[in-house]
């Protein structure tokens, strides 16, 4: 797959199904991928908060 194809398939999520849950394995994969997200001047300024309970999501 070339970069143009990837760029053309990109989209922003406008809505999601809150009843669909990630498995622990899927969540771990996402967290691993987030570590590879690019940042300006490789500053890596991000912090991630995972809310997995209803109380945490409120």
C-alpha atoms as a PDB file:
ATOM      1  CA  UNK A   1       0.000   0.000   0.000  1.00  0.00           C
ATOM      2  CA  UNK A   2       1.422   3.400  -0.941  1.00  0.00           C
ATOM      3  CA  UNK A   3       1.178   6.631   1.062  1.00  0.00           C
ATOM      4  CA  UNK A   4      -1.409   8.173  -1.285  1.00  0.00           C
ATOM      5  CA  UNK A   5      -3.774   5.220  -0.811  1.00  0.00           C
ATOM      6  CA  UNK A   6      -3.380   5.429   2.950  1.00  0.00           C
ATOM      7  CA  UNK A   7      -4.008   9.193   2.978  1.00  0.00           C
ATOM      8  CA  UNK A   8      -7.127   8.856   0.831  1.00  0.00           C
ATOM      9  CA  UNK A   9      -8.632   6.240   3.170  1.00  0.00           C
ATOM     10  CA  UNK A  10      -8.104   8.358   6.292  1.00  0.00           C
ATOM     11  CA  UNK A  11     -11.163   9.791   8.032  1.00  0.00           C
ATOM     12  CA  UNK A  12     -12.217  11.364  11.309  1.00  0.00           C
ATOM     13  CA  UNK A  13     -14.717   9.457  13.406  1.00  0.00           C
ATOM     14  CA  UNK A  14     -17.859  11.537  13.912  1.00  0.00           C
ATOM     15  CA  UNK A  15     -19.823   8.961  15.892  1.00  0.00           C
ATOM     16  CA  UNK A  16     -19.197   5.631  17.527  1.00  0.00           C
ATOM     17  CA  UNK A  17     -21.139   2.785  19.088  1.00  0.00           C
ATOM     18  CA  UNK A  18     -20.583   3.018  22.870  1.00  0.00           C
ATOM     19  CA  UNK A  19     -21.927  -0.514  23.351  1.00  0.00           C
ATOM     20  CA  UNK A  20     -19.027  -1.998  21.368  1.00  0.00           C
ATOM     21  CA  UNK A  21     -16.201  -2.821  23.761  1.00  0.00           C
ATOM     22  CA  UNK A  22     -12.543  -3.533  23.046  1.00  0.00           C
ATOM     23  CA  UNK A  23     -11.018  -6.712  24.349  1.00  0.00           C
ATOM     24  CA  UNK A  24      -8.008  -6.363  26.646  1.00  0.00           C
ATOM     25  CA  UNK A  25      -5.813  -7.599  23.781  1.00  0.00           C
ATOM     26  CA  UNK A  26      -7.211  -4.968  21.378  1.00  0.00           C
ATOM     27  CA  UNK A  27      -6.728  -2.213  23.969  1.00  0.00           C
ATOM     28  CA  UNK A  28      -3.118  -3.299  24.499  1.00  0.00           C
ATOM     29  CA  UNK A  29      -2.495  -3.185  20.733  1.00  0.00           C
ATOM     30  CA  UNK A  30      -3.929   0.347  20.543  1.00  0.00           C
ATOM     31  CA  UNK A  31      -1.776   1.504  23.468  1.00  0.00           C
ATOM     32  CA  UNK A  32       1.310   0.036  21.790  1.00  0.00           C
ATOM     33  CA  UNK A  33       0.474   1.767  18.491  1.00  0.00           C
ATOM     34  CA  UNK A  34      -0.070   5.107  20.250  1.00  0.00           C
ATOM     35  CA  UNK A  35       3.546   5.003  21.412  1.00  0.00           C
ATOM     36  CA  UNK A  36       4.593   5.255  17.748  1.00  0.00           C
ATOM     37  CA  UNK A  37       2.490   8.351  16.990  1.00  0.00           C
ATOM     38  CA  UNK A  38       4.631  11.122  15.504  1.00  0.00           C
ATOM     39  CA  UNK A  39       5.202  14.376  17.355  1.00  0.00           C
ATOM     40  CA  UNK A  40       6.806  17.679  16.482  1.00  0.00           C
ATOM     41  CA  UNK A  41      10.577  17.511  17.001  1.00  0.00           C
ATOM     42  CA  UNK A  42      10.079  14.083  18.595  1.00  0.00           C
ATOM     43  CA  UNK A  43       8.977  15.791  21.821  1.00  0.00           C
ATOM     44  CA  UNK A  44       6.387  13.064  22.550  1.00  0.00           C
ATOM     45  CA  UNK A  45       4.243  15.357  24.766  1.00  0.00           C
ATOM     46  CA  UNK A  46       1.216  13.093  25.046  1.00  0.00           C
ATOM     47  CA  UNK A  47      -0.381  11.404  28.011  1.00  0.00           C
ATOM     48  CA  UNK A  48      -3.187   8.894  27.628  1.00  0.00           C
ATOM     49  CA  UNK A  49      -6.044   8.293  30.039  1.00  0.00           C
ATOM     50  CA  UNK A  50      -8.068   5.119  29.567  1.00  0.00           C
ATOM     51  CA  UNK A  51     -11.543   5.198  31.099  1.00  0.00           C
ATOM     52  CA  UNK A  52     -12.828   1.635  31.218  1.00  0.00           C
ATOM     53  CA  UNK A  53     -15.547   1.857  33.878  1.00  0.00           C
ATOM     54  CA  UNK A  54     -18.843   3.724  33.719  1.00  0.00           C
ATOM     55  CA  UNK A  55     -17.729   5.840  36.685  1.00  0.00           C
ATOM     56  CA  UNK A  56     -14.488   6.702  34.907  1.00  0.00           C
ATOM     57  CA  UNK A  57     -16.345   7.673  31.732  1.00  0.00           C
ATOM     58  CA  UNK A  58     -18.695  10.056  33.568  1.00  0.00           C
END
